[in-house]
Amino acid sequence: GDPLSMVLVTGQKSWSPGDTFAVFKGSTSSSATGPEFGFYITTGPSLQGNVYGAPSGNESKTDDALDVWIVTSDGSTAKLYKNGSLDRTWSVGTRNLSTNIWLGSRLGTAKEFDGSIRAFAYADSEIGPELIAEINSYTW
């Protein structure tokens, strides 16, 4: 796969639990393997980062707090950061070369996110610890 990074800042609104997307870039309807990349909300409510069809595993949202989620990948390994701390590392899947990106749903019509998105950014490069620290020091 190719390097990429995503930053998602979620607001203080609680999430309704389960099976929604805050960010989805993909071309198939499979929540598990369809995303080229994305942030998937699971039961709990928890968040998964997803890179090239490979999910990170679940990380719980901080109740009624602003959270900064960062996924960065060199194209073979991805890292999920929550509020500046490395939460998990995983191997990424295969890129599916989709062309569209949706905020707050999957494919624009399904799995609608019931939460607050304060900011989203995407880059086609891996970001390092200095920029991750800078992003987390910003007053959102």
Protein backbone atom coordinates (compact mmCIF):
# COMPACT_ATOMS: atom_id res chain seq x y z
CA GLY A 1 0.00 0.00 0.00
CA ASP A 2 0.88 3.65 -0.12
CA PRO A 3 1.62 5.86 2.90
CA LEU A 4 -1.26 7.86 4.35
CA SER A 5 -2.32 9.77 7.43
CA MET A 6 -5.71 10.82 8.77
CA VAL A 7 -6.65 13.12 11.62
CA LEU A 8 -10.16 13.09 13.08
CA VAL A 9 -11.22 15.35 15.93
CA THR A 10 -14.50 14.26 17.49
CA GLY A 11 -16.52 16.62 19.64
CA GLN A 12 -18.07 16.28 23.05
CA LYS A 13 -21.33 14.74 21.88
CA SER A 14 -21.73 11.10 22.92
CA TRP A 15 -21.87 8.59 20.08
CA SER A 16 -24.76 6.29 19.50
CA PRO A 17 -23.26 2.82 19.72
CA GLY A 18 -22.55 0.71 16.77
CA ASP A 19 -21.98 0.21 13.11
CA THR A 20 -21.50 3.73 11.72
CA PHE A 21 -18.72 5.58 9.92
CA ALA A 22 -17.27 8.97 10.85
CA VAL A 23 -15.06 8.80 7.72
CA PHE A 24 -15.27 6.35 4.82
CA LYS A 25 -13.26 6.13 1.62
CA GLY A 26 -14.05 2.97 -0.26
CA SER A 27 -16.02 1.40 -3.04
CA THR A 28 -17.82 -1.56 -1.49
CA SER A 29 -20.45 -1.89 1.20
CA SER A 30 -18.50 -4.22 3.51
CA SER A 31 -17.86 -2.47 6.83
CA ALA A 32 -14.97 -4.81 7.55
CA THR A 33 -13.07 -5.00 4.24
CA GLY A 34 -14.65 -2.30 2.06
CA PRO A 35 -12.83 0.81 3.30
CA GLU A 36 -9.69 1.97 1.61
CA PHE A 37 -9.40 3.94 4.79
CA GLY A 38 -11.77 5.22 7.43
CA PHE A 39 -12.85 5.62 11.02
CA TYR A 40 -15.50 3.05 11.95
CA ILE A 41 -17.63 3.31 15.11
CA THR A 42 -18.35 -0.06 16.74
CA THR A 43 -20.44 -1.00 19.75
CA GLY A 44 -19.27 0.40 23.04
CA PRO A 45 -19.08 3.03 21.56
CA SER A 46 -15.56 2.52 20.30
CA LEU A 47 -13.58 3.58 17.24
CA GLN A 48 -11.51 1.54 14.78
CA GLY A 49 -9.02 2.97 12.34
CA ASN A 50 -9.07 1.14 9.02
CA VAL A 51 -6.34 1.20 6.37
CA TYR A 52 -6.73 -0.68 3.10
CA GLY A 53 -9.37 -3.01 4.53
CA ALA A 54 -7.44 -3.89 7.69
CA PRO A 55 -9.03 -2.68 10.97
CA SER A 56 -7.04 -1.62 14.01
CA GLY A 57 -9.20 -3.05 16.76
CA ASN A 58 -11.43 -1.04 19.08
CA GLU A 59 -10.50 1.98 21.19
CA SER A 60 -13.12 3.52 23.49
CA LYS A 61 -14.18 7.14 23.14
CA THR A 62 -13.61 9.39 26.15
CA ASP A 63 -17.11 10.12 27.50
CA ASP A 64 -18.30 13.67 26.82
CA ALA A 65 -14.81 14.83 25.84
CA LEU A 66 -13.07 16.01 22.72
CA ASP A 67 -10.81 13.28 21.27
CA VAL A 68 -8.06 13.60 18.64
CA TRP A 69 -7.65 10.39 16.61
CA ILE A 70 -4.68 9.98 14.26
CA VAL A 71 -3.96 7.07 11.95
CA THR A 72 -0.66 7.11 10.11
CA SER A 73 0.80 4.41 7.88
CA ASP A 74 3.98 3.81 5.91
CA GLY A 75 1.99 1.56 3.55
CA SER A 76 2.59 -1.70 5.38
CA THR A 77 2.09 -0.91 9.07
CA ALA A 78 -0.44 1.51 10.55
CA LYS A 79 -0.56 3.22 13.95
CA LEU A 80 -3.59 4.56 15.81
CA TYR A 81 -3.05 7.45 18.22
CA LYS A 82 -5.69 8.73 20.64
CA ASN A 83 -5.05 12.14 22.17
CA GLY A 84 -1.34 11.92 21.33
CA SER A 85 -0.67 8.46 22.78
CA LEU A 86 0.05 5.45 20.59
CA ASP A 87 -2.83 3.03 21.13
CA ARG A 88 -2.08 0.22 18.70
CA THR A 89 -0.13 -0.88 15.63
CA TRP A 90 -1.34 -3.28 12.91
CA SER A 91 -0.55 -4.54 9.41
CA VAL A 92 -2.53 -2.89 6.62
CA GLY A 93 -4.44 -4.62 3.83
CA THR A 94 -4.44 -4.10 0.06
CA ARG A 95 -5.37 -0.77 -1.49
CA ASN A 96 -8.62 -0.77 -3.49
CA LEU A 97 -8.17 2.57 -5.33
CA SER A 98 -11.57 4.08 -4.66
CA THR A 99 -12.19 7.69 -5.61
CA ASN A 100 -14.74 9.08 -3.15
CA ILE A 101 -14.57 10.05 0.51
CA TRP A 102 -17.57 10.51 2.79
CA LEU A 103 -17.71 12.21 6.18
CA GLY A 104 -20.41 10.91 8.49
CA SER A 105 -21.55 7.86 6.48
CA ARG A 106 -20.54 4.91 4.32
CA LEU A 107 -20.98 5.47 0.58
CA GLY A 108 -22.98 8.61 1.36
CA THR A 109 -26.22 6.80 2.25
CA ALA A 110 -25.64 4.25 5.00
CA LYS A 111 -24.09 3.76 8.44
CA GLU A 112 -24.65 7.42 9.37
CA PHE A 113 -22.54 8.75 12.24
CA ASP A 114 -24.49 10.29 15.14
CA GLY A 115 -21.74 12.34 16.71
CA SER A 116 -19.75 15.53 16.32
CA ILE A 117 -16.84 15.91 13.88
CA ARG A 118 -14.81 19.01 14.71
CA ALA A 119 -12.09 18.47 12.10
CA PHE A 120 -10.80 15.97 9.54
CA ALA A 121 -7.58 15.98 7.52
CA TYR A 122 -5.96 13.53 5.12
CA ALA A 123 -2.42 13.36 3.74
CA ASP A 124 -0.82 10.90 1.35
CA SER A 125 2.24 10.58 3.57
CA GLU A 126 3.13 9.16 6.96
CA ILE A 127 3.46 11.72 9.77
CA GLY A 128 5.94 11.52 12.61
CA PRO A 129 5.91 12.08 16.37
CA GLU A 130 6.69 15.82 16.17
CA LEU A 131 3.65 16.59 14.01
CA ILE A 132 1.45 14.26 16.06
CA ALA A 133 2.46 16.18 19.20
CA GLU A 134 1.81 19.51 17.47
CA ILE A 135 -1.66 18.40 16.32
CA ASN A 136 -2.54 17.32 19.84
CA SER A 137 -1.33 20.58 21.37
CA TYR A 138 -3.72 22.63 19.22
CA THR A 139 -6.79 24.07 20.94
CA TRP A 140 -9.65 22.50 19.03
